[in-house]
Structures are given as structure tokens and as C-alpha cells.
Amino acid sequence: MATREKPLKHRQKSLNCTFETSSIDSTAVEEKLFGQEGEVDEDGDDGPVVFICGKCKLPVGDSLSWDGSEDGQNQIRLKRVTDNVLVGKDNRMYEVSKRSFCLIVDLLCRGCHSVLGMVYASTPKTLDHKRFTFCLNVADIDSYVLGSASQMLAAEGPKEQPVTLEYRGIVEQQLTEMKMLVMSMALRLEEIEAGLQEGCDEA
């Protein structure tokens, strides 16, 4: 059995942005998740990364289950995935390199049934570290960094006009005008009612 890869020193470090699935390789993914060795996390507030299906956006795993990356295959490895990932039933032959073959099973998205990656069912000794892990294709997944949302509603709500003496005077004037209008309408209504009453009495 080959020894497992040396774990990264800064497992909790991640970049505060999502990676572009169409233009990077697995090395870039690992750097964005955990940073370069030796870097110091000054803020200390970067959250874990959630991996989602690149097509239907269902969550398929997160960086807390990180197990490594594969430069040549442009893949990331996770120890655990969500129930949204289905493990296929049929084994098939996969050529890793010349004269190096493996048996793999496809990983499928439960939502859209697209292929997300593979599980190695049988490997040569040099690739034993890949077994019992979920290998996801970087090109078929996207990611979201928890805590990276920035849009907020203002706590005080819509901006209100401060109550100044000038503003108060305008409001009082408007109220006075409304009172006069209501009183005028009430008097007019009384006159109309009186006229109707007189018409009824004469009849």
C-alpha cells in the first residue's frame, strides 16, 4: 500500500471567492481552498467551501471532507459527499496512464444525472491512495465560500427626513389646510342634506 499524501498545513485556509470551473486545474483549486504553505491568514474569517453540481447547483460536498487533488486528471478528492451524489452500479476500465489501468465507477448527480466524477474500485499499488475517496471533476462542479455573501439591507430601513422646525412647520400647514377642506366639505354636505330634506317636506 502506498502512503497517503502529506496533509496540508493550513487545512482551514480558503480564498474568499469561488473558483472558475472552466479555466483552472486542480492545483489552482487546492491553492484557492487552502492557500500556499507558509501563508498566514490575517483575517481568519474565511469559511469552508461548499461544492455544488455545475449544472443543477445541488450541493455535493464541502472542503471539510477534503482529501487532496489530482493534477493530471484535474480532479479533487473528498472523503465524504452528500446524498445528492449517486454511485453508479457498473464498473468500467479506465486508463490512468500507459500500461496503468483501473476499474472505476461513475459518480452521478441525483438532480440532473450528469457525471460528476468517479470512484476507483480497483487500482495498482501506486494509486491505492485514490481508493475509498470520491474523485470529482473540477470541470463538472462549482463552489461557494460560506460567509462570502456581502449584500445587506440597511438596518434603519429607508432613509427618513430629519424632523426640523422648517419641516414641522410645513407638516402643520398641510394639516391645517386639510382640516379646512374637511370642514368645508362637511358644511357643503349639510347644505345638500338640508336641501334634500326641504324637497321631501314639500312633497
N, C-alpha and C. Protein backbone atom coordinates (compact mmCIF):
# COMPACT_ATOMS: atom_id res chain seq x y z
N MET A 1 0.85 -1.20 0.00
CA MET A 1 0.00 0.00 0.00
C MET A 1 0.88 1.24 0.00
N ALA A 2 0.59 2.17 -0.85
CA ALA A 2 1.35 3.42 -0.89
C ALA A 2 0.91 4.31 0.26
N THR A 3 1.85 5.13 0.76
CA THR A 3 1.50 6.05 1.85
C THR A 3 0.59 7.15 1.33
N ARG A 4 -0.22 7.65 2.22
CA ARG A 4 -1.15 8.73 1.84
C ARG A 4 -0.38 10.03 1.67
N GLU A 5 -0.96 10.94 0.94
CA GLU A 5 -0.29 12.22 0.72
C GLU A 5 -0.11 12.96 2.03
N LYS A 6 0.94 13.72 2.14
CA LYS A 6 1.17 14.55 3.32
C LYS A 6 0.08 15.61 3.40
N PRO A 7 -0.62 15.70 4.53
CA PRO A 7 -1.70 16.69 4.61
C PRO A 7 -1.17 18.11 4.56
N LEU A 8 -1.95 19.00 4.08
CA LEU A 8 -1.55 20.41 4.02
C LEU A 8 -1.52 20.99 5.42
N LYS A 9 -0.65 21.95 5.64
CA LYS A 9 -0.52 22.54 6.97
C LYS A 9 -1.71 23.43 7.31
N HIS A 10 -2.20 24.11 6.33
CA HIS A 10 -3.27 25.08 6.60
C HIS A 10 -4.56 24.56 6.01
N ARG A 11 -5.19 23.57 6.64
CA ARG A 11 -6.40 22.96 6.11
C ARG A 11 -7.58 23.94 6.10
N GLN A 12 -7.61 24.86 7.07
CA GLN A 12 -8.77 25.74 7.20
C GLN A 12 -8.70 26.97 6.31
N LYS A 13 -7.60 27.14 5.61
CA LYS A 13 -7.47 28.37 4.81
C LYS A 13 -8.16 28.21 3.47
N SER A 14 -8.91 29.21 3.09
CA SER A 14 -9.55 29.20 1.77
C SER A 14 -9.59 30.61 1.23
N LEU A 15 -9.70 30.74 -0.06
CA LEU A 15 -9.76 32.05 -0.69
C LEU A 15 -11.18 32.55 -0.68
N ASN A 16 -11.36 33.86 -0.49
CA ASN A 16 -12.70 34.41 -0.32
C ASN A 16 -13.37 34.67 -1.66
N CYS A 17 -13.33 33.69 -2.56
CA CYS A 17 -14.02 33.81 -3.83
C CYS A 17 -14.20 32.42 -4.40
N THR A 18 -15.14 32.24 -5.30
CA THR A 18 -15.36 30.94 -5.89
C THR A 18 -14.42 30.74 -7.07
N PHE A 19 -14.10 29.46 -7.37
CA PHE A 19 -13.19 29.22 -8.48
C PHE A 19 -13.96 29.08 -9.77
N GLU A 20 -13.31 29.44 -10.85
CA GLU A 20 -13.92 29.33 -12.18
C GLU A 20 -13.74 27.91 -12.68
N THR A 21 -14.83 27.20 -12.91
CA THR A 21 -14.74 25.78 -13.23
C THR A 21 -14.19 25.54 -14.62
N SER A 22 -14.29 26.49 -15.51
CA SER A 22 -13.94 26.23 -16.90
C SER A 22 -12.48 26.55 -17.23
N SER A 23 -11.75 27.21 -16.32
CA SER A 23 -10.45 27.69 -16.73
C SER A 23 -9.33 27.40 -15.74
N ILE A 24 -9.53 26.49 -14.76
CA ILE A 24 -8.46 26.22 -13.82
C ILE A 24 -8.24 24.73 -13.70
N ASP A 25 -7.11 24.35 -13.10
CA ASP A 25 -6.85 22.93 -12.85
C ASP A 25 -6.97 22.65 -11.37
N SER A 26 -6.78 21.40 -10.99
CA SER A 26 -6.99 21.00 -9.60
C SER A 26 -5.97 21.64 -8.65
N THR A 27 -4.78 21.94 -9.14
CA THR A 27 -3.79 22.62 -8.30
C THR A 27 -4.29 23.99 -7.88
N ALA A 28 -4.88 24.71 -8.83
CA ALA A 28 -5.43 26.03 -8.51
C ALA A 28 -6.57 25.92 -7.52
N VAL A 29 -7.37 24.87 -7.64
CA VAL A 29 -8.47 24.66 -6.69
C VAL A 29 -7.92 24.51 -5.29
N GLU A 30 -6.87 23.68 -5.15
CA GLU A 30 -6.29 23.43 -3.84
C GLU A 30 -5.69 24.71 -3.26
N GLU A 31 -5.05 25.50 -4.12
CA GLU A 31 -4.46 26.75 -3.64
C GLU A 31 -5.55 27.71 -3.17
N LYS A 32 -6.65 27.75 -3.92
CA LYS A 32 -7.74 28.65 -3.54
C LYS A 32 -8.43 28.20 -2.26
N LEU A 33 -8.48 26.88 -2.04
CA LEU A 33 -9.12 26.37 -0.83
C LEU A 33 -8.26 26.58 0.40
N PHE A 34 -6.98 26.26 0.29
CA PHE A 34 -6.14 26.23 1.48
C PHE A 34 -4.93 27.15 1.43
N GLY A 35 -4.71 27.83 0.32
CA GLY A 35 -3.61 28.77 0.21
C GLY A 35 -2.26 28.09 0.08
N GLN A 36 -1.24 28.89 -0.17
CA GLN A 36 0.11 28.35 -0.27
C GLN A 36 0.62 28.01 1.12
N GLU A 37 1.42 26.98 1.23
CA GLU A 37 2.02 26.67 2.53
C GLU A 37 2.92 27.82 2.94
N GLY A 38 2.80 28.20 4.22
CA GLY A 38 3.61 29.30 4.71
C GLY A 38 2.85 30.61 4.76
N GLU A 39 1.72 30.68 4.10
CA GLU A 39 0.95 31.91 4.16
C GLU A 39 0.30 32.02 5.53
N VAL A 40 0.12 33.25 5.99
CA VAL A 40 -0.54 33.49 7.26
C VAL A 40 -1.90 34.09 6.98
N ASP A 41 -2.93 33.52 7.62
CA ASP A 41 -4.29 34.02 7.44
C ASP A 41 -4.51 35.18 8.39
N GLU A 42 -4.41 36.39 7.87
CA GLU A 42 -4.51 37.57 8.71
C GLU A 42 -5.92 37.79 9.22
N ASP A 43 -6.91 37.58 8.38
CA ASP A 43 -8.29 37.83 8.79
C ASP A 43 -8.83 36.69 9.64
N GLY A 44 -8.56 35.45 9.24
CA GLY A 44 -9.03 34.31 9.99
C GLY A 44 -10.52 34.09 9.91
N ASP A 45 -11.20 34.70 8.94
CA ASP A 45 -12.65 34.61 8.88
C ASP A 45 -13.14 33.95 7.59
N ASP A 46 -12.25 33.31 6.83
CA ASP A 46 -12.68 32.64 5.61
C ASP A 46 -13.42 31.36 5.98
N GLY A 47 -14.57 31.14 5.35
CA GLY A 47 -15.38 29.99 5.68
C GLY A 47 -15.04 28.79 4.81
N PRO A 48 -15.65 27.64 5.16
CA PRO A 48 -15.47 26.44 4.34
C PRO A 48 -16.07 26.63 2.95
N VAL A 49 -15.64 25.80 2.02
CA VAL A 49 -16.14 25.85 0.65
C VAL A 49 -17.17 24.74 0.45
N VAL A 50 -18.31 25.09 -0.12
CA VAL A 50 -19.33 24.10 -0.48
C VAL A 50 -19.21 23.84 -1.98
N PHE A 51 -19.10 22.56 -2.36
CA PHE A 51 -19.03 22.18 -3.76
C PHE A 51 -20.43 21.85 -4.25
N ILE A 52 -20.79 22.37 -5.42
CA ILE A 52 -22.13 22.17 -5.97
C ILE A 52 -22.02 21.66 -7.40
N CYS A 53 -23.07 20.98 -7.85
CA CYS A 53 -23.11 20.49 -9.22
C CYS A 53 -23.04 21.67 -10.17
N GLY A 54 -22.17 21.60 -11.17
CA GLY A 54 -22.01 22.71 -12.10
C GLY A 54 -23.23 22.94 -12.97
N LYS A 55 -24.12 21.95 -13.06
CA LYS A 55 -25.28 22.06 -13.94
C LYS A 55 -26.54 22.48 -13.18
N CYS A 56 -26.93 21.69 -12.16
CA CYS A 56 -28.19 21.98 -11.45
C CYS A 56 -27.98 22.63 -10.09
N LYS A 57 -26.73 22.81 -9.66
CA LYS A 57 -26.37 23.55 -8.44
C LYS A 57 -26.75 22.86 -7.14
N LEU A 58 -27.00 21.56 -7.15
CA LEU A 58 -27.23 20.83 -5.91
C LEU A 58 -25.90 20.69 -5.16
N PRO A 59 -25.89 20.83 -3.82
CA PRO A 59 -24.64 20.65 -3.07
C PRO A 59 -24.19 19.19 -3.11
N VAL A 60 -22.92 18.98 -3.37
CA VAL A 60 -22.40 17.61 -3.46
C VAL A 60 -21.33 17.30 -2.42
N GLY A 61 -20.76 18.31 -1.79
CA GLY A 61 -19.74 18.08 -0.77
C GLY A 61 -19.20 19.39 -0.26
N ASP A 62 -18.19 19.32 0.62
CA ASP A 62 -17.58 20.54 1.16
C ASP A 62 -16.12 20.29 1.47
N SER A 63 -15.41 21.38 1.72
CA SER A 63 -13.97 21.30 1.92
C SER A 63 -13.58 20.69 3.26
N LEU A 64 -14.54 20.51 4.18
CA LEU A 64 -14.22 19.84 5.44
C LEU A 64 -13.92 18.36 5.23
N SER A 65 -14.31 17.84 4.05
CA SER A 65 -14.03 16.45 3.70
C SER A 65 -12.88 16.33 2.71
N TRP A 66 -12.09 17.37 2.59
CA TRP A 66 -11.00 17.42 1.61
C TRP A 66 -9.99 16.31 1.83
N ASP A 67 -9.57 15.65 0.74
CA ASP A 67 -8.58 14.59 0.83
C ASP A 67 -7.40 14.82 -0.11
N GLY A 68 -7.49 15.81 -0.99
CA GLY A 68 -6.38 16.09 -1.89
C GLY A 68 -6.86 16.42 -3.29
N SER A 69 -5.91 16.52 -4.22
CA SER A 69 -6.24 16.84 -5.60
C SER A 69 -5.37 16.04 -6.54
N GLU A 70 -5.84 15.93 -7.77
CA GLU A 70 -5.11 15.20 -8.79
C GLU A 70 -4.77 16.15 -9.93
N ASP A 71 -3.49 16.47 -10.09
CA ASP A 71 -3.07 17.44 -11.10
C ASP A 71 -3.37 16.95 -12.51
N GLY A 72 -3.00 15.70 -12.78
CA GLY A 72 -3.14 15.18 -14.14
C GLY A 72 -4.58 15.03 -14.59
N GLN A 73 -5.44 14.56 -13.68
CA GLN A 73 -6.84 14.34 -14.04
C GLN A 73 -7.73 15.56 -13.83
N ASN A 74 -7.18 16.65 -13.28
CA ASN A 74 -7.96 17.86 -12.99
C ASN A 74 -9.15 17.50 -12.09
N GLN A 75 -8.83 16.82 -10.98
CA GLN A 75 -9.84 16.36 -10.04
C GLN A 75 -9.51 16.80 -8.62
N ILE A 76 -10.53 16.82 -7.78
CA ILE A 76 -10.33 16.95 -6.34
C ILE A 76 -10.87 15.69 -5.68
N ARG A 77 -10.30 15.33 -4.52
CA ARG A 77 -10.75 14.14 -3.80
C ARG A 77 -11.39 14.54 -2.49
N LEU A 78 -12.56 13.95 -2.21
CA LEU A 78 -13.27 14.17 -0.96
C LEU A 78 -13.47 12.84 -0.25
N LYS A 79 -13.40 12.86 1.09
CA LYS A 79 -13.64 11.64 1.86
C LYS A 79 -15.14 11.35 1.96
N ARG A 80 -15.95 12.39 1.95
CA ARG A 80 -17.40 12.22 2.07
C ARG A 80 -18.10 13.15 1.09
N VAL A 81 -19.28 12.74 0.62
CA VAL A 81 -20.11 13.58 -0.25
C VAL A 81 -21.54 13.52 0.28
N THR A 82 -22.43 14.37 -0.27
CA THR A 82 -23.82 14.40 0.17
C THR A 82 -24.63 13.30 -0.52
N ASP A 83 -25.87 13.16 -0.08
CA ASP A 83 -26.78 12.18 -0.69
C ASP A 83 -27.16 12.57 -2.12
N ASN A 84 -26.78 13.77 -2.55
CA ASN A 84 -27.07 14.18 -3.92
C ASN A 84 -26.13 13.54 -4.94
N VAL A 85 -25.14 12.83 -4.45
CA VAL A 85 -24.20 12.12 -5.33
C VAL A 85 -24.56 10.64 -5.35
N LEU A 86 -24.83 10.11 -6.51
CA LEU A 86 -25.16 8.70 -6.66
C LEU A 86 -23.95 7.94 -7.20
N VAL A 87 -23.67 6.79 -6.62
CA VAL A 87 -22.58 5.94 -7.09
C VAL A 87 -23.15 4.96 -8.10
N GLY A 88 -22.58 4.96 -9.31
CA GLY A 88 -23.06 4.07 -10.37
C GLY A 88 -22.92 2.59 -10.00
N LYS A 89 -23.55 1.74 -10.77
CA LYS A 89 -23.54 0.30 -10.49
C LYS A 89 -22.53 -0.46 -11.35
N ASP A 90 -22.19 0.07 -12.50
CA ASP A 90 -21.35 -0.68 -13.45
C ASP A 90 -19.89 -0.23 -13.38
N ASN A 91 -19.00 -1.21 -13.22
CA ASN A 91 -17.56 -0.93 -13.29
C ASN A 91 -17.13 -0.80 -14.74
N ARG A 92 -16.16 0.05 -14.98
CA ARG A 92 -15.60 0.14 -16.32
C ARG A 92 -14.09 0.36 -16.23
N MET A 93 -13.40 0.00 -17.31
CA MET A 93 -11.94 0.13 -17.34
C MET A 93 -11.56 1.59 -17.61
N TYR A 94 -10.56 2.06 -16.91
CA TYR A 94 -10.10 3.44 -17.08
C TYR A 94 -8.57 3.43 -17.15
N GLU A 95 -8.04 4.08 -18.19
CA GLU A 95 -6.59 4.13 -18.38
C GLU A 95 -6.06 5.42 -17.77
N VAL A 96 -5.35 5.25 -16.67
CA VAL A 96 -4.77 6.41 -15.99
C VAL A 96 -3.55 6.91 -16.75
N SER A 97 -2.72 6.00 -17.15
CA SER A 97 -1.53 6.32 -17.96
C SER A 97 -1.18 5.07 -18.78
N LYS A 98 -0.13 5.15 -19.56
CA LYS A 98 0.25 3.99 -20.37
C LYS A 98 0.55 2.79 -19.47
N ARG A 99 -0.10 1.68 -19.78
CA ARG A 99 0.08 0.43 -19.06
C ARG A 99 -0.39 0.52 -17.61
N SER A 100 -1.23 1.50 -17.30
CA SER A 100 -1.77 1.63 -15.95
C SER A 100 -3.28 1.76 -16.05
N PHE A 101 -3.97 0.66 -15.68
CA PHE A 101 -5.43 0.63 -15.81
C PHE A 101 -6.08 0.48 -14.44
N CYS A 102 -7.28 1.03 -14.33
CA CYS A 102 -8.06 0.93 -13.09
C CYS A 102 -9.50 0.55 -13.43
N LEU A 103 -10.18 0.03 -12.44
CA LEU A 103 -11.62 -0.14 -12.54
C LEU A 103 -12.28 0.99 -11.78
N ILE A 104 -13.19 1.70 -12.44
CA ILE A 104 -13.85 2.85 -11.80
C ILE A 104 -15.37 2.72 -11.90
N VAL A 105 -16.04 3.47 -11.04
CA VAL A 105 -17.50 3.59 -11.08
C VAL A 105 -17.82 5.08 -11.15
N ASP A 106 -18.73 5.45 -12.03
CA ASP A 106 -19.07 6.87 -12.20
C ASP A 106 -19.86 7.41 -11.01
N LEU A 107 -19.63 8.68 -10.71
CA LEU A 107 -20.43 9.40 -9.72
C LEU A 107 -21.41 10.28 -10.48
N LEU A 108 -22.69 10.20 -10.14
CA LEU A 108 -23.73 10.94 -10.85
C LEU A 108 -24.45 11.89 -9.92
N CYS A 109 -24.91 13.01 -10.48
CA CYS A 109 -25.71 13.97 -9.71
C CYS A 109 -27.15 13.44 -9.63
N ARG A 110 -27.71 13.44 -8.43
CA ARG A 110 -29.08 12.95 -8.24
C ARG A 110 -30.09 13.84 -8.97
N GLY A 111 -29.79 15.14 -9.07
CA GLY A 111 -30.74 16.07 -9.67
C GLY A 111 -30.81 16.02 -11.19
N CYS A 112 -29.63 16.09 -11.85
CA CYS A 112 -29.62 16.18 -13.31
C CYS A 112 -28.97 14.97 -13.97
N HIS A 113 -28.47 14.01 -13.17
CA HIS A 113 -27.87 12.76 -13.66
C HIS A 113 -26.61 12.99 -14.50
N SER A 114 -25.99 14.15 -14.37
CA SER A 114 -24.73 14.38 -15.08
C SER A 114 -23.59 13.71 -14.30
N VAL A 115 -22.53 13.31 -15.01
CA VAL A 115 -21.38 12.66 -14.38
C VAL A 115 -20.54 13.72 -13.68
N LEU A 116 -20.29 13.51 -12.38
CA LEU A 116 -19.51 14.46 -11.58
C LEU A 116 -18.08 14.00 -11.36
N GLY A 117 -17.84 12.71 -11.48
CA GLY A 117 -16.51 12.19 -11.22
C GLY A 117 -16.53 10.68 -11.18
N MET A 118 -15.69 10.10 -10.28
CA MET A 118 -15.56 8.65 -10.25
C MET A 118 -15.09 8.19 -8.89
N VAL A 119 -15.31 6.89 -8.65
CA VAL A 119 -14.74 6.20 -7.51
C VAL A 119 -13.86 5.09 -8.07
N TYR A 120 -12.64 4.96 -7.55
CA TYR A 120 -11.73 3.91 -8.00
C TYR A 120 -12.06 2.63 -7.25
N ALA A 121 -12.53 1.62 -7.98
CA ALA A 121 -12.89 0.33 -7.37
C ALA A 121 -11.68 -0.58 -7.26
N SER A 122 -10.76 -0.47 -8.21
CA SER A 122 -9.55 -1.30 -8.19
C SER A 122 -8.42 -0.50 -8.81
N THR A 123 -7.26 -0.50 -8.13
CA THR A 123 -6.12 0.30 -8.61
C THR A 123 -4.82 -0.48 -8.43
N PRO A 124 -3.79 -0.11 -9.20
CA PRO A 124 -2.45 -0.65 -8.89
C PRO A 124 -1.96 -0.05 -7.58
N LYS A 125 -0.92 -0.63 -7.00
CA LYS A 125 -0.46 -0.19 -5.68
C LYS A 125 -0.09 1.29 -5.64
N THR A 126 0.45 1.79 -6.74
CA THR A 126 0.87 3.19 -6.76
C THR A 126 -0.30 4.16 -6.67
N LEU A 127 -1.51 3.68 -6.93
CA LEU A 127 -2.69 4.55 -6.90
C LEU A 127 -3.67 4.18 -5.79
N ASP A 128 -3.20 3.39 -4.83
CA ASP A 128 -4.09 2.95 -3.74
C ASP A 128 -4.65 4.11 -2.93
N HIS A 129 -3.94 5.24 -2.90
CA HIS A 129 -4.43 6.39 -2.13
C HIS A 129 -5.74 6.96 -2.69
N LYS A 130 -6.06 6.61 -3.95
CA LYS A 130 -7.28 7.12 -4.57
C LYS A 130 -8.51 6.30 -4.21
N ARG A 131 -8.29 5.08 -3.74
CA ARG A 131 -9.42 4.22 -3.41
C ARG A 131 -10.12 4.72 -2.15
N PHE A 132 -11.41 4.43 -2.07
CA PHE A 132 -12.24 4.83 -0.93
C PHE A 132 -12.36 6.34 -0.79
N THR A 133 -12.16 7.06 -1.88
CA THR A 133 -12.41 8.50 -1.91
C THR A 133 -13.29 8.82 -3.12
N PHE A 134 -13.92 9.98 -3.07
CA PHE A 134 -14.76 10.45 -4.17
C PHE A 134 -13.96 11.44 -4.99
N CYS A 135 -13.68 11.10 -6.22
CA CYS A 135 -12.90 11.97 -7.11
C CYS A 135 -13.87 12.76 -7.99
N LEU A 136 -13.93 14.07 -7.78
CA LEU A 136 -14.84 14.93 -8.52
C LEU A 136 -14.09 15.71 -9.59
N ASN A 137 -14.67 15.78 -10.78
CA ASN A 137 -14.05 16.54 -11.87
C ASN A 137 -14.26 18.03 -11.64
N VAL A 138 -13.18 18.78 -11.64
CA VAL A 138 -13.27 20.23 -11.42
C VAL A 138 -14.15 20.89 -12.48
N ALA A 139 -14.11 20.37 -13.71
CA ALA A 139 -14.90 20.97 -14.79
C ALA A 139 -16.40 20.77 -14.61
N ASP A 140 -16.81 19.82 -13.75
CA ASP A 140 -18.22 19.49 -13.61
C ASP A 140 -18.83 20.00 -12.31
N ILE A 141 -18.05 20.71 -11.50
CA ILE A 141 -18.58 21.25 -10.24
C ILE A 141 -18.25 22.73 -10.13
N ASP A 142 -18.97 23.37 -9.25
CA ASP A 142 -18.70 24.78 -8.93
C ASP A 142 -18.57 24.86 -7.42
N SER A 143 -18.34 26.03 -6.87
CA SER A 143 -18.18 26.12 -5.42
C SER A 143 -18.69 27.45 -4.89
N TYR A 144 -18.93 27.44 -3.59
CA TYR A 144 -19.37 28.65 -2.90
C TYR A 144 -18.69 28.70 -1.54
N VAL A 145 -18.08 29.85 -1.21
CA VAL A 145 -17.40 30.01 0.07
C VAL A 145 -18.40 30.52 1.10
N LEU A 146 -18.62 29.74 2.16
CA LEU A 146 -19.54 30.17 3.21
C LEU A 146 -19.02 31.46 3.85
N GLY A 147 -19.92 32.40 4.04
CA GLY A 147 -19.54 33.68 4.63
C GLY A 147 -19.08 34.72 3.63
N SER A 148 -19.10 34.38 2.33
CA SER A 148 -18.62 35.33 1.32
C SER A 148 -19.73 36.27 0.84
N ALA A 149 -20.96 36.07 1.29
CA ALA A 149 -22.05 36.96 0.89
C ALA A 149 -21.80 38.36 1.45
N SER A 150 -22.08 39.39 0.66
CA SER A 150 -21.77 40.76 1.09
C SER A 150 -22.96 41.70 1.06
N GLN A 151 -24.02 41.33 0.34
CA GLN A 151 -25.16 42.24 0.21
C GLN A 151 -25.98 42.25 1.48
N MET A 152 -26.30 43.45 1.98
CA MET A 152 -27.09 43.59 3.21
C MET A 152 -28.14 44.67 3.04
N LEU A 153 -29.23 44.54 3.78
CA LEU A 153 -30.23 45.59 3.84
C LEU A 153 -29.85 46.54 4.97
N ALA A 154 -30.09 47.84 4.76
CA ALA A 154 -29.78 48.82 5.80
C ALA A 154 -30.65 48.55 7.03
N ALA A 155 -30.02 48.54 8.21
CA ALA A 155 -30.74 48.20 9.44
C ALA A 155 -31.83 49.22 9.76
N GLU A 156 -31.60 50.49 9.37
CA GLU A 156 -32.59 51.52 9.71
C GLU A 156 -33.69 51.64 8.68
N GLY A 157 -33.63 50.83 7.62
CA GLY A 157 -34.66 50.89 6.58
C GLY A 157 -34.44 52.10 5.69
N PRO A 158 -35.48 52.51 4.96
CA PRO A 158 -35.35 53.66 4.06
C PRO A 158 -34.94 54.91 4.82
N LYS A 159 -34.13 55.74 4.17
CA LYS A 159 -33.69 56.97 4.81
C LYS A 159 -34.88 57.89 5.07
N GLU A 160 -34.99 58.36 6.32
CA GLU A 160 -36.09 59.24 6.69
C GLU A 160 -35.59 60.67 6.81
N GLN A 161 -36.47 61.62 6.46
CA GLN A 161 -36.11 63.03 6.54
C GLN A 161 -36.10 63.47 7.99
N PRO A 162 -35.02 64.12 8.45
CA PRO A 162 -34.99 64.55 9.85
C PRO A 162 -36.08 65.58 10.13
N VAL A 163 -36.61 65.54 11.36
CA VAL A 163 -37.69 66.45 11.74
C VAL A 163 -37.07 67.77 12.21
N THR A 164 -37.03 68.75 11.31
CA THR A 164 -36.53 70.08 11.63
C THR A 164 -37.72 71.01 11.86
N LEU A 165 -37.44 72.20 12.37
CA LEU A 165 -38.51 73.18 12.60
C LEU A 165 -39.20 73.55 11.30
N GLU A 166 -38.40 73.68 10.24
CA GLU A 166 -38.96 74.02 8.94
C GLU A 166 -39.89 72.90 8.44
N TYR A 167 -39.41 71.65 8.58
CA TYR A 167 -40.20 70.51 8.15
C TYR A 167 -41.49 70.40 8.98
N ARG A 168 -41.38 70.64 10.26
CA ARG A 168 -42.56 70.58 11.14
C ARG A 168 -43.57 71.65 10.76
N GLY A 169 -43.07 72.83 10.43
CA GLY A 169 -43.98 73.91 10.03
C GLY A 169 -44.74 73.55 8.76
N ILE A 170 -44.06 72.92 7.79
CA ILE A 170 -44.71 72.51 6.53
C ILE A 170 -45.80 71.49 6.82
N VAL A 171 -45.51 70.53 7.68
CA VAL A 171 -46.49 69.49 8.01
C VAL A 171 -47.70 70.10 8.70
N GLU A 172 -47.47 71.02 9.65
CA GLU A 172 -48.60 71.65 10.36
C GLU A 172 -49.46 72.47 9.40
N GLN A 173 -48.83 73.14 8.44
CA GLN A 173 -49.58 73.91 7.45
C GLN A 173 -50.45 73.00 6.59
N GLN A 174 -49.88 71.85 6.19
CA GLN A 174 -50.65 70.90 5.39
C GLN A 174 -51.82 70.33 6.19
N LEU A 175 -51.60 70.07 7.47
CA LEU A 175 -52.69 69.57 8.32
C LEU A 175 -53.79 70.60 8.47
N THR A 176 -53.42 71.86 8.62
CA THR A 176 -54.41 72.93 8.74
C THR A 176 -55.24 73.04 7.47
N GLU A 177 -54.58 72.97 6.32
CA GLU A 177 -55.30 73.04 5.04
C GLU A 177 -56.25 71.86 4.88
N MET A 178 -55.81 70.67 5.34
CA MET A 178 -56.68 69.51 5.25
C MET A 178 -57.88 69.64 6.17
N LYS A 179 -57.67 70.19 7.36
CA LYS A 179 -58.79 70.42 8.28
C LYS A 179 -59.82 71.36 7.68
N MET A 180 -59.32 72.46 7.08
CA MET A 180 -60.23 73.44 6.47
C MET A 180 -61.00 72.81 5.32
N LEU A 181 -60.35 71.96 4.53
CA LEU A 181 -61.00 71.29 3.42
C LEU A 181 -62.09 70.34 3.93
N VAL A 182 -61.77 69.60 5.00
CA VAL A 182 -62.75 68.66 5.56
C VAL A 182 -63.95 69.43 6.13
N MET A 183 -63.70 70.54 6.82
CA MET A 183 -64.80 71.34 7.38
C MET A 183 -65.67 71.93 6.27
N SER A 184 -65.03 72.38 5.20
CA SER A 184 -65.77 72.95 4.07
C SER A 184 -66.65 71.88 3.42
N MET A 185 -66.09 70.66 3.29
CA MET A 185 -66.87 69.57 2.71
C MET A 185 -68.02 69.19 3.63
N ALA A 186 -67.80 69.23 4.96
CA ALA A 186 -68.86 68.89 5.91
C ALA A 186 -70.00 69.89 5.83
N LEU A 187 -69.65 71.20 5.74
CA LEU A 187 -70.69 72.24 5.62
C LEU A 187 -71.48 72.08 4.33
N ARG A 188 -70.77 71.80 3.26
CA ARG A 188 -71.43 71.62 1.97
C ARG A 188 -72.37 70.42 2.01
N LEU A 189 -71.94 69.34 2.70
CA LEU A 189 -72.77 68.15 2.83
C LEU A 189 -74.04 68.45 3.62
N GLU A 190 -73.88 69.26 4.67
CA GLU A 190 -75.05 69.65 5.47
C GLU A 190 -76.05 70.45 4.63
N GLU A 191 -75.53 71.36 3.78
CA GLU A 191 -76.41 72.16 2.92
C GLU A 191 -77.16 71.26 1.94
N ILE A 192 -76.46 70.28 1.38
CA ILE A 192 -77.11 69.36 0.43
C ILE A 192 -78.19 68.56 1.13
N GLU A 193 -77.87 68.06 2.35
CA GLU A 193 -78.85 67.28 3.10
C GLU A 193 -80.07 68.13 3.45
N ALA A 194 -79.83 69.40 3.85
CA ALA A 194 -80.94 70.30 4.20
C ALA A 194 -81.82 70.54 2.98
N GLY A 195 -81.18 70.72 1.82
CA GLY A 195 -81.95 70.94 0.59
C GLY A 195 -82.79 69.73 0.25
N LEU A 196 -82.22 68.54 0.41
CA LEU A 196 -82.97 67.31 0.14
C LEU A 196 -84.13 67.15 1.11
N GLN A 197 -83.91 67.53 2.37
CA GLN A 197 -84.96 67.42 3.37
C GLN A 197 -86.13 68.36 3.05
N GLU A 198 -85.79 69.58 2.64
CA GLU A 198 -86.83 70.55 2.28
C GLU A 198 -87.63 70.03 1.10
N GLY A 199 -86.97 69.41 0.12
CA GLY A 199 -87.68 68.85 -1.03
C GLY A 199 -88.63 67.75 -0.62
N CYS A 200 -88.20 66.94 0.35
CA CYS A 200 -89.06 65.87 0.81
C CYS A 200 -90.27 66.41 1.56
N ASP A 201 -90.03 67.46 2.40
CA ASP A 201 -91.13 68.04 3.18
C ASP A 201 -92.18 68.66 2.27
N GLU A 202 -91.75 69.35 1.22
CA GLU A 202 -92.68 69.99 0.29
C GLU A 202 -93.50 68.96 -0.47
N ALA A 203 -92.88 67.81 -0.73
CA ALA A 203 -93.59 66.75 -1.44
C ALA A 203 -94.63 66.14 -0.50
